[in-house]
Amino acid sequence: MLETGATHSRRWYGARLLLPLLALLAPTLCWAQQSLEYQALEQQGMAGPAPAWSVTLGAGLASAPRYPGANDQRVRAVPLVSIVYDRRFFAGPLGIGVAAVRWNGFSAGPVLGFERGRYESDDPRVAGLGDISASATAGAFAAYARGPVEISATARQAISHTGNGLSGLVQVNFRHAFPLARTYVTAGPDLEFGNADFERTWFGITPAQSALSDLPVYAPRGGINTIGLHAGLTYRASRHILWRVFAAVRDLAGDAAQSPIVERRTQFLLGAGVAYHF
C-alpha cells in the first residue's frame, strides 16, 4: 500500500522528535551495567509489534558481581526500557541505534551507548587500582534473524574516555512465544571480547597500581574475555503491563581469567522488574 503524503509527513516528524529525546535519555538508560551482554539481556523481549511507535518504560532490580571477576554480588537498579520507531530507530539499555540497512532478515547500523565505569571503592580487591571513568561509546551492530533464531554482533569504542578501549558482544538468541500463556522467552549462548586497551583497563595492573595495591603487575592482551549463557522471560500481565525475569551465567576466559583481580571466574546475574508498554 502506498503511503499518503500526510502519513509520510507524520512519520518523519516523529523521527525528528525521537532523536533529541534519545540523546537526552542515553546516559540514564545505561548507567547500571558495564557489560554489553547484561545490557542486551535487559532489553530482550521488551519491544512490541506496533508498526510505528513502540515504547516500554520500567525498572527492576538485579543481583550482579561488584566488578567483572568479583566474588561478591551487589543488588542494583536496572532500567527496563525499549523505544522503537518504525523498526528502524531504537533505544534501550544497549544504546541508541539506527537500522540503516534492512534486507531479508538482515539489519545493521550505527549505535551509541554508555559504558559504566568502576570505582576502587566497589570492592577491597580493586582498592589502590584507581577508578575507571564511565564513557560514552560509539560503534555498530549487525543482526540476522530467521524464524526463531537471531544472531547478532555489536562492537563499540569508548569515545569520551578513549583509553577504555573497544569491546564487543556476539550473541545467539532462540526466541519463542507462548500466546496462550502470554509469555515470550529468549535464551542462548554469547561471548564478549575486547581489544588490548579494554583488557588492560578492566583486568590489567600497572607498576604504579601494583605498588599501591600489592597485586602483581599484569598486562593482558586483547581477545575473548567471557563466554556465557543467558535467558529472559517476558510475561504480559495485561495490555500494558509487562513482567520481566532475566538471568545469565558467564565464565571469564583468556587473559581476563588470569588477572590477579579475578576472585571468581564464573559470574552470575539474576534480575526481575516490571514495565509499562504503550
C-alpha atoms as a PDB file:
ATOM      1  CA  MET A   1       0.000   0.000   0.000  1.00  0.00           C
ATOM      2  CA  LEU A   2       1.327   3.438  -0.930  1.00  0.00           C
ATOM      3  CA  GLU A   3       1.812   5.946   1.881  1.00  0.00           C
ATOM      4  CA  THR A   4      -0.183   9.156   1.706  1.00  0.00           C
ATOM      5  CA  GLY A   5       1.723  12.431   1.974  1.00  0.00           C
ATOM      6  CA  ALA A   6       0.219  13.063   5.418  1.00  0.00           C
ATOM      7  CA  THR A   7       1.278   9.639   6.742  1.00  0.00           C
ATOM      8  CA  HIS A   8       4.800  10.083   5.417  1.00  0.00           C
ATOM      9  CA  SER A   9       4.971  13.540   6.963  1.00  0.00           C
ATOM     10  CA  ARG A  10       3.838  12.270  10.367  1.00  0.00           C
ATOM     11  CA  ARG A  11       6.457   9.503  10.342  1.00  0.00           C
ATOM     12  CA  TRP A  12       9.332  11.868   9.616  1.00  0.00           C
ATOM     13  CA  TYR A  13       8.049  14.351  12.179  1.00  0.00           C
ATOM     14  CA  GLY A  14       8.079  11.542  14.761  1.00  0.00           C
ATOM     15  CA  ALA A  15      11.632  10.596  13.783  1.00  0.00           C
ATOM     16  CA  ARG A  16      12.802  14.205  14.201  1.00  0.00           C
ATOM     17  CA  LEU A  17      11.317  14.264  17.701  1.00  0.00           C
ATOM     18  CA  LEU A  18      12.812  10.878  18.623  1.00  0.00           C
ATOM     19  CA  LEU A  19      16.498  11.653  18.044  1.00  0.00           C
ATOM     20  CA  PRO A  20      16.882  14.549  20.526  1.00  0.00           C
ATOM     21  CA  LEU A  21      14.788  12.613  23.060  1.00  0.00           C
ATOM     22  CA  LEU A  22      17.094   9.589  22.830  1.00  0.00           C
ATOM     23  CA  ALA A  23      20.188  11.756  23.115  1.00  0.00           C
ATOM     24  CA  LEU A  24      18.767  13.135  26.360  1.00  0.00           C
ATOM     25  CA  LEU A  25      17.838   9.706  27.741  1.00  0.00           C
ATOM     26  CA  ALA A  26      21.005   7.819  26.766  1.00  0.00           C
ATOM     27  CA  PRO A  27      23.050   8.307  29.970  1.00  0.00           C
ATOM     28  CA  THR A  28      20.125   7.404  32.253  1.00  0.00           C
ATOM     29  CA  LEU A  29      19.145   4.324  30.268  1.00  0.00           C
ATOM     30  CA  CYS A  30      22.535   2.678  30.537  1.00  0.00           C
ATOM     31  CA  TRP A  31      24.126   3.642  33.861  1.00  0.00           C
ATOM     32  CA  ALA A  32      23.508   0.391  35.667  1.00  0.00           C
ATOM     33  CA  GLN A  33      25.789  -2.029  33.810  1.00  0.00           C
ATOM     34  CA  GLN A  34      29.203  -2.117  32.202  1.00  0.00           C
ATOM     35  CA  SER A  35      28.648  -5.430  30.428  1.00  0.00           C
ATOM     36  CA  LEU A  36      27.277  -5.424  26.884  1.00  0.00           C
ATOM     37  CA  GLU A  37      25.773  -8.858  27.478  1.00  0.00           C
ATOM     38  CA  TYR A  38      23.896  -7.646  30.556  1.00  0.00           C
ATOM     39  CA  GLN A  39      22.621  -4.591  28.673  1.00  0.00           C
ATOM     40  CA  ALA A  40      21.380  -6.688  25.755  1.00  0.00           C
ATOM     41  CA  LEU A  41      19.663  -9.094  28.151  1.00  0.00           C
ATOM     42  CA  GLU A  42      17.733  -6.278  29.844  1.00  0.00           C
ATOM     43  CA  GLN A  43      16.330  -5.167  26.506  1.00  0.00           C
ATOM     44  CA  GLN A  44      15.258  -8.520  25.040  1.00  0.00           C
ATOM     45  CA  GLY A  45      11.540  -9.096  24.716  1.00  0.00           C
ATOM     46  CA  MET A  46      10.585  -5.535  25.595  1.00  0.00           C
ATOM     47  CA  ALA A  47       9.616  -4.230  22.149  1.00  0.00           C
ATOM     48  CA  GLY A  48       6.061  -4.726  20.961  1.00  0.00           C
ATOM     49  CA  PRO A  49       4.757  -5.496  17.467  1.00  0.00           C
ATOM     50  CA  ALA A  50       3.488  -1.971  16.732  1.00  0.00           C
ATOM     51  CA  PRO A  51       4.383  -0.859  13.182  1.00  0.00           C
ATOM     52  CA  ALA A  52       5.322   2.694  14.156  1.00  0.00           C
ATOM     53  CA  TRP A  53       5.958   3.667  17.796  1.00  0.00           C
ATOM     54  CA  SER A  54       6.576   1.018  20.454  1.00  0.00           C
ATOM     55  CA  VAL A  55       7.510   2.298  23.911  1.00  0.00           C
ATOM     56  CA  THR A  56       8.178   0.289  27.063  1.00  0.00           C
ATOM     57  CA  LEU A  57       9.280   2.018  30.267  1.00  0.00           C
ATOM     58  CA  GLY A  58      10.053   0.292  33.542  1.00  0.00           C
ATOM     59  CA  ALA A  59      12.649  -0.673  36.103  1.00  0.00           C
ATOM     60  CA  GLY A  60      13.789  -3.605  38.169  1.00  0.00           C
ATOM     61  CA  LEU A  61      16.474  -4.966  40.448  1.00  0.00           C
ATOM     62  CA  ALA A  62      19.354  -7.262  39.569  1.00  0.00           C
ATOM     63  CA  SER A  63      21.997  -9.069  41.553  1.00  0.00           C
ATOM     64  CA  ALA A  64      25.303  -8.762  39.690  1.00  0.00           C
ATOM     65  CA  PRO A  65      29.035  -9.011  40.504  1.00  0.00           C
ATOM     66  CA  ARG A  66      30.540  -5.934  42.163  1.00  0.00           C
ATOM     67  CA  TYR A  67      33.000  -5.825  39.241  1.00  0.00           C
ATOM     68  CA  PRO A  68      33.948  -8.289  36.468  1.00  0.00           C
ATOM     69  CA  GLY A  69      35.703 -11.110  38.320  1.00  0.00           C
ATOM     70  CA  ALA A  70      34.395 -10.248  41.797  1.00  0.00           C
ATOM     71  CA  ASN A  71      33.484 -12.892  44.341  1.00  0.00           C
ATOM     72  CA  ASP A  72      30.674 -10.844  45.895  1.00  0.00           C
ATOM     73  CA  GLN A  73      27.370  -9.721  44.403  1.00  0.00           C
ATOM     74  CA  ARG A  74      25.573  -6.389  44.673  1.00  0.00           C
ATOM     75  CA  VAL A  75      21.923  -5.510  44.036  1.00  0.00           C
ATOM     76  CA  ARG A  76      21.463  -2.689  41.527  1.00  0.00           C
ATOM     77  CA  ALA A  77      18.557  -0.851  39.984  1.00  0.00           C
ATOM     78  CA  VAL A  78      18.299  -1.584  36.245  1.00  0.00           C
ATOM     79  CA  PRO A  79      16.317   0.159  33.501  1.00  0.00           C
ATOM     80  CA  LEU A  80      13.793  -1.895  31.552  1.00  0.00           C
ATOM     81  CA  VAL A  81      13.410   0.411  28.585  1.00  0.00           C
ATOM     82  CA  SER A  82      12.721  -0.080  24.900  1.00  0.00           C
ATOM     83  CA  ILE A  83      11.779   2.698  22.461  1.00  0.00           C
ATOM     84  CA  VAL A  84      11.316   1.701  18.826  1.00  0.00           C
ATOM     85  CA  TYR A  85      10.127   3.798  15.888  1.00  0.00           C
ATOM     86  CA  ASP A  86       9.193   2.171  12.601  1.00  0.00           C
ATOM     87  CA  ARG A  87      11.502  -0.780  13.477  1.00  0.00           C
ATOM     88  CA  ARG A  88      14.378   1.432  12.361  1.00  0.00           C
ATOM     89  CA  PHE A  89      15.195   3.723  15.293  1.00  0.00           C
ATOM     90  CA  PHE A  90      15.610   2.153  18.734  1.00  0.00           C
ATOM     91  CA  ALA A  91      16.833   2.917  22.230  1.00  0.00           C
ATOM     92  CA  GLY A  92      17.287   0.855  25.356  1.00  0.00           C
ATOM     93  CA  PRO A  93      19.943  -0.389  27.804  1.00  0.00           C
ATOM     94  CA  LEU A  94      22.125  -1.462  24.873  1.00  0.00           C
ATOM     95  CA  GLY A  95      22.120   2.069  23.452  1.00  0.00           C
ATOM     96  CA  ILE A  96      20.610   4.231  20.735  1.00  0.00           C
ATOM     97  CA  GLY A  97      20.785   2.887  17.194  1.00  0.00           C
ATOM     98  CA  VAL A  98      19.527   3.155  13.654  1.00  0.00           C
ATOM     99  CA  ALA A  99      18.927   0.131  11.436  1.00  0.00           C
ATOM    100  CA  ALA A 100      20.404   1.846   8.385  1.00  0.00           C
ATOM    101  CA  VAL A 101      20.384  -1.426   6.430  1.00  0.00           C
ATOM    102  CA  ARG A 102      17.408  -3.821   6.436  1.00  0.00           C
ATOM    103  CA  TRP A 103      17.201  -6.634   3.932  1.00  0.00           C
ATOM    104  CA  ASN A 104      15.713 -10.121   4.035  1.00  0.00           C
ATOM    105  CA  GLY A 105      16.160 -10.658   7.781  1.00  0.00           C
ATOM    106  CA  PHE A 106      19.480  -8.779   7.982  1.00  0.00           C
ATOM    107  CA  SER A 107      19.841  -5.430   9.710  1.00  0.00           C
ATOM    108  CA  ALA A 108      22.860  -3.278  10.554  1.00  0.00           C
ATOM    109  CA  GLY A 109      23.746   0.246  11.518  1.00  0.00           C
ATOM    110  CA  PRO A 110      25.425   2.598  13.992  1.00  0.00           C
ATOM    111  CA  VAL A 111      24.813   2.550  17.738  1.00  0.00           C
ATOM    112  CA  LEU A 112      25.639   4.975  20.551  1.00  0.00           C
ATOM    113  CA  GLY A 113      25.847   3.821  24.144  1.00  0.00           C
ATOM    114  CA  PHE A 114      27.143   4.464  27.641  1.00  0.00           C
ATOM    115  CA  GLU A 115      29.662   2.319  29.490  1.00  0.00           C
ATOM    116  CA  ARG A 116      29.629   2.388  33.253  1.00  0.00           C
ATOM    117  CA  GLY A 117      32.990   2.683  34.979  1.00  0.00           C
ATOM    118  CA  ARG A 118      34.417   1.068  38.105  1.00  0.00           C
ATOM    119  CA  TYR A 119      35.265   2.642  41.447  1.00  0.00           C
ATOM    120  CA  GLU A 120      38.060   1.339  43.614  1.00  0.00           C
ATOM    121  CA  SER A 121      35.582   1.575  46.496  1.00  0.00           C
ATOM    122  CA  ASP A 122      33.416  -1.076  44.778  1.00  0.00           C
ATOM    123  CA  ASP A 123      35.376  -3.899  46.400  1.00  0.00           C
ATOM    124  CA  PRO A 124      38.501  -4.251  48.589  1.00  0.00           C
ATOM    125  CA  ARG A 125      40.126  -6.328  45.832  1.00  0.00           C
ATOM    126  CA  VAL A 126      40.350  -3.314  43.490  1.00  0.00           C
ATOM    127  CA  ALA A 127      41.403  -0.818  46.172  1.00  0.00           C
ATOM    128  CA  GLY A 128      44.507   1.033  45.016  1.00  0.00           C
ATOM    129  CA  LEU A 129      43.803   0.440  41.325  1.00  0.00           C
ATOM    130  CA  GLY A 130      42.104   3.803  40.815  1.00  0.00           C
ATOM    131  CA  ASP A 131      38.727   4.488  39.246  1.00  0.00           C
ATOM    132  CA  ILE A 132      37.740   3.611  35.678  1.00  0.00           C
ATOM    133  CA  SER A 133      35.817   6.540  34.217  1.00  0.00           C
ATOM    134  CA  ALA A 134      32.410   5.989  32.657  1.00  0.00           C
ATOM    135  CA  SER A 135      32.388   6.726  28.948  1.00  0.00           C
ATOM    136  CA  ALA A 136      30.090   7.378  26.041  1.00  0.00           C
ATOM    137  CA  THR A 137      30.600   4.789  23.305  1.00  0.00           C
ATOM    138  CA  ALA A 138      30.071   4.611  19.562  1.00  0.00           C
ATOM    139  CA  GLY A 139      30.059   1.598  17.286  1.00  0.00           C
ATOM    140  CA  ALA A 140      27.984  -0.608  15.041  1.00  0.00           C
ATOM    141  CA  PHE A 141      25.665  -3.600  15.207  1.00  0.00           C
ATOM    142  CA  ALA A 142      24.603  -6.302  12.777  1.00  0.00           C
ATOM    143  CA  ALA A 143      21.910  -8.953  13.168  1.00  0.00           C
ATOM    144  CA  TYR A 144      20.354 -11.724  11.123  1.00  0.00           C
ATOM    145  CA  ALA A 145      17.024 -13.296  12.065  1.00  0.00           C
ATOM    146  CA  ARG A 146      15.457 -16.358  10.534  1.00  0.00           C
ATOM    147  CA  GLY A 147      12.472 -17.962  12.163  1.00  0.00           C
ATOM    148  CA  PRO A 148      13.011 -18.287  15.916  1.00  0.00           C
ATOM    149  CA  VAL A 149      16.787 -17.737  15.717  1.00  0.00           C
ATOM    150  CA  GLU A 150      18.659 -14.449  15.683  1.00  0.00           C
ATOM    151  CA  ILE A 151      22.427 -13.956  15.517  1.00  0.00           C
ATOM    152  CA  SER A 152      23.715 -10.525  16.459  1.00  0.00           C
ATOM    153  CA  ALA A 153      27.018  -8.758  16.971  1.00  0.00           C
ATOM    154  CA  THR A 154      27.815  -5.370  18.475  1.00  0.00           C
ATOM    155  CA  ALA A 155      31.174  -3.586  18.735  1.00  0.00           C
ATOM    156  CA  ARG A 156      31.704  -0.194  20.345  1.00  0.00           C
ATOM    157  CA  GLN A 157      34.625   2.086  21.130  1.00  0.00           C
ATOM    158  CA  ALA A 158      34.820   4.379  24.153  1.00  0.00           C
ATOM    159  CA  ILE A 159      34.792   7.944  22.836  1.00  0.00           C
ATOM    160  CA  SER A 160      34.739  10.271  25.863  1.00  0.00           C
ATOM    161  CA  HIS A 161      37.484   8.216  27.574  1.00  0.00           C
ATOM    162  CA  THR A 162      39.149   6.544  24.600  1.00  0.00           C
ATOM    163  CA  GLY A 163      41.668   4.702  26.754  1.00  0.00           C
ATOM    164  CA  ASN A 164      38.832   2.437  27.926  1.00  0.00           C
ATOM    165  CA  GLY A 165      39.159   0.716  24.557  1.00  0.00           C
ATOM    166  CA  LEU A 166      36.846  -1.273  22.318  1.00  0.00           C
ATOM    167  CA  SER A 167      34.516  -4.067  23.418  1.00  0.00           C
ATOM    168  CA  GLY A 168      32.049  -6.276  21.621  1.00  0.00           C
ATOM    169  CA  LEU A 169      29.354  -8.893  22.012  1.00  0.00           C
ATOM    170  CA  VAL A 170      28.348 -11.835  19.807  1.00  0.00           C
ATOM    171  CA  GLN A 171      25.050 -13.429  20.758  1.00  0.00           C
ATOM    172  CA  VAL A 172      22.679 -16.144  19.543  1.00  0.00           C
ATOM    173  CA  ASN A 173      19.032 -15.914  20.606  1.00  0.00           C
ATOM    174  CA  PHE A 174      16.435 -18.644  20.382  1.00  0.00           C
ATOM    175  CA  ARG A 175      13.042 -16.967  20.714  1.00  0.00           C
ATOM    176  CA  HIS A 176       9.647 -18.486  21.353  1.00  0.00           C
ATOM    177  CA  ALA A 177       6.229 -17.026  22.148  1.00  0.00           C
ATOM    178  CA  PHE A 178       3.523 -18.832  24.122  1.00  0.00           C
ATOM    179  CA  PRO A 179       0.378 -16.871  23.147  1.00  0.00           C
ATOM    180  CA  LEU A 180      -1.989 -18.709  25.479  1.00  0.00           C
ATOM    181  CA  ALA A 181       0.346 -18.106  28.413  1.00  0.00           C
ATOM    182  CA  ARG A 182       1.040 -14.531  27.235  1.00  0.00           C
ATOM    183  CA  THR A 183       4.758 -15.276  27.617  1.00  0.00           C
ATOM    184  CA  TYR A 184       7.806 -14.605  25.443  1.00  0.00           C
ATOM    185  CA  VAL A 185      11.069 -16.459  26.099  1.00  0.00           C
ATOM    186  CA  THR A 186      14.604 -15.889  24.804  1.00  0.00           C
ATOM    187  CA  ALA A 187      17.740 -17.916  25.530  1.00  0.00           C
ATOM    188  CA  GLY A 188      21.107 -18.683  24.013  1.00  0.00           C
ATOM    189  CA  PRO A 189      24.906 -18.502  24.192  1.00  0.00           C
ATOM    190  CA  ASP A 190      27.071 -15.404  23.938  1.00  0.00           C
ATOM    191  CA  LEU A 191      30.643 -14.200  24.129  1.00  0.00           C
ATOM    192  CA  GLU A 192      32.263 -10.846  24.808  1.00  0.00           C
ATOM    193  CA  PHE A 193      35.618  -9.590  23.582  1.00  0.00           C
ATOM    194  CA  GLY A 194      37.830  -6.545  23.975  1.00  0.00           C
ATOM    195  CA  ASN A 195      40.956  -5.068  22.436  1.00  0.00           C
ATOM    196  CA  ALA A 196      44.195  -4.644  24.387  1.00  0.00           C
ATOM    197  CA  ASP A 197      43.193  -1.217  25.766  1.00  0.00           C
ATOM    198  CA  PHE A 198      39.919  -2.597  27.084  1.00  0.00           C
ATOM    199  CA  GLU A 199      41.550  -5.651  28.684  1.00  0.00           C
ATOM    200  CA  ARG A 200      44.307  -3.590  30.335  1.00  0.00           C
ATOM    201  CA  THR A 201      41.753  -1.084  31.653  1.00  0.00           C
ATOM    202  CA  TRP A 202      39.490  -3.687  33.264  1.00  0.00           C
ATOM    203  CA  PHE A 203      41.879  -6.555  34.052  1.00  0.00           C
ATOM    204  CA  GLY A 204      45.411  -5.128  33.914  1.00  0.00           C
ATOM    205  CA  ILE A 205      47.627  -3.806  36.705  1.00  0.00           C
ATOM    206  CA  THR A 206      50.287  -1.165  36.021  1.00  0.00           C
ATOM    207  CA  PRO A 207      53.501  -0.871  38.065  1.00  0.00           C
ATOM    208  CA  ALA A 208      52.044   2.176  39.868  1.00  0.00           C
ATOM    209  CA  GLN A 209      48.838   0.295  40.687  1.00  0.00           C
ATOM    210  CA  SER A 210      50.848  -2.696  41.844  1.00  0.00           C
ATOM    211  CA  ALA A 211      52.763  -0.554  44.316  1.00  0.00           C
ATOM    212  CA  LEU A 212      49.512   0.772  45.793  1.00  0.00           C
ATOM    213  CA  SER A 213      47.590  -2.495  45.846  1.00  0.00           C
ATOM    214  CA  ASP A 214      50.232  -5.185  46.465  1.00  0.00           C
ATOM    215  CA  LEU A 215      48.924  -7.064  43.407  1.00  0.00           C
ATOM    216  CA  PRO A 216      51.462  -8.157  40.771  1.00  0.00           C
ATOM    217  CA  VAL A 217      51.897  -6.246  37.521  1.00  0.00           C
ATOM    218  CA  TYR A 218      49.734  -7.714  34.786  1.00  0.00           C
ATOM    219  CA  ALA A 219      49.368  -6.716  31.122  1.00  0.00           C
ATOM    220  CA  PRO A 220      46.639  -8.750  29.370  1.00  0.00           C
ATOM    221  CA  ARG A 221      46.223  -8.886  25.600  1.00  0.00           C
ATOM    222  CA  GLY A 222      43.063  -8.394  23.629  1.00  0.00           C
ATOM    223  CA  GLY A 223      40.711 -11.292  22.901  1.00  0.00           C
ATOM    224  CA  ILE A 224      37.626 -13.096  24.155  1.00  0.00           C
ATOM    225  CA  ASN A 225      37.059 -12.319  27.828  1.00  0.00           C
ATOM    226  CA  THR A 226      33.760 -14.042  28.645  1.00  0.00           C
ATOM    227  CA  ILE A 227      31.721 -16.974  27.357  1.00  0.00           C
ATOM    228  CA  GLY A 228      28.239 -17.476  28.733  1.00  0.00           C
ATOM    229  CA  LEU A 229      24.561 -18.336  28.555  1.00  0.00           C
ATOM    230  CA  HIS A 230      21.592 -16.022  29.000  1.00  0.00           C
ATOM    231  CA  ALA A 231      17.820 -16.337  29.312  1.00  0.00           C
ATOM    232  CA  GLY A 232      14.908 -13.964  29.675  1.00  0.00           C
ATOM    233  CA  LEU A 233      11.159 -14.263  30.144  1.00  0.00           C
ATOM    234  CA  THR A 234       8.564 -11.573  29.491  1.00  0.00           C
ATOM    235  CA  TYR A 235       5.025 -12.063  30.785  1.00  0.00           C
ATOM    236  CA  ARG A 236       2.253  -9.774  29.545  1.00  0.00           C
ATOM    237  CA  ALA A 237       0.064  -9.409  32.635  1.00  0.00           C
ATOM    238  CA  SER A 238      -2.324  -7.082  30.814  1.00  0.00           C
ATOM    239  CA  ARG A 239      -2.474  -4.996  27.663  1.00  0.00           C
ATOM    240  CA  HIS A 240       0.083  -2.552  29.064  1.00  0.00           C
ATOM    241  CA  ILE A 241       1.868  -4.254  31.983  1.00  0.00           C
ATOM    242  CA  LEU A 242       4.899  -6.490  31.376  1.00  0.00           C
ATOM    243  CA  TRP A 243       6.793  -8.541  33.947  1.00  0.00           C
ATOM    244  CA  ARG A 244      10.428  -9.400  33.210  1.00  0.00           C
ATOM    245  CA  VAL A 245      12.743 -12.031  34.651  1.00  0.00           C
ATOM    246  CA  PHE A 246      16.265 -12.471  33.286  1.00  0.00           C
ATOM    247  CA  ALA A 247      19.378 -14.425  34.193  1.00  0.00           C
ATOM    248  CA  ALA A 248      22.871 -15.041  32.895  1.00  0.00           C
ATOM    249  CA  VAL A 249      25.923 -17.090  33.757  1.00  0.00           C
ATOM    250  CA  ARG A 250      29.273 -16.322  32.203  1.00  0.00           C
ATOM    251  CA  ASP A 251      32.794 -17.621  32.590  1.00  0.00           C
ATOM    252  CA  LEU A 252      35.815 -15.357  32.289  1.00  0.00           C
ATOM    253  CA  ALA A 253      38.174 -16.559  29.571  1.00  0.00           C
ATOM    254  CA  GLY A 254      41.540 -15.819  28.018  1.00  0.00           C
ATOM    255  CA  ASP A 255      43.888 -13.321  29.630  1.00  0.00           C
ATOM    256  CA  ALA A 256      40.999 -11.802  31.602  1.00  0.00           C
ATOM    257  CA  ALA A 257      40.556 -15.036  33.555  1.00  0.00           C
ATOM    258  CA  GLN A 258      44.218 -14.948  34.654  1.00  0.00           C
ATOM    259  CA  SER A 259      44.078 -11.406  36.048  1.00  0.00           C
ATOM    260  CA  PRO A 260      45.121 -11.015  39.708  1.00  0.00           C
ATOM    261  CA  ILE A 261      41.922  -9.054  40.371  1.00  0.00           C
ATOM    262  CA  VAL A 262      39.743 -12.065  39.479  1.00  0.00           C
ATOM    263  CA  GLU A 263      38.475 -13.824  42.585  1.00  0.00           C
ATOM    264  CA  ARG A 264      35.855 -15.961  40.837  1.00  0.00           C
ATOM    265  CA  ARG A 265      35.816 -16.839  37.157  1.00  0.00           C
ATOM    266  CA  THR A 266      32.145 -17.825  36.998  1.00  0.00           C
ATOM    267  CA  GLN A 267      29.848 -14.815  37.209  1.00  0.00           C
ATOM    268  CA  PHE A 268      26.068 -14.750  37.747  1.00  0.00           C
ATOM    269  CA  LEU A 269      23.281 -12.268  37.094  1.00  0.00           C
ATOM    270  CA  LEU A 270      19.650 -12.557  38.203  1.00  0.00           C
ATOM    271  CA  GLY A 271      17.088  -9.799  37.807  1.00  0.00           C
ATOM    272  CA  ALA A 272      13.391  -9.001  37.634  1.00  0.00           C
ATOM    273  CA  GLY A 273      11.200  -5.988  37.073  1.00  0.00           C
ATOM    274  CA  VAL A 274       8.003  -4.529  35.733  1.00  0.00           C
ATOM    275  CA  ALA A 275       7.339  -2.188  32.814  1.00  0.00           C
ATOM    276  CA  TYR A 276       4.512  -0.306  31.149  1.00  0.00           C
ATOM    277  CA  HIS A 277       4.122  -0.789  27.386  1.00  0.00           C
ATOM    278  CA  PHE A 278       2.254   1.526  25.040  1.00  0.00           C
END
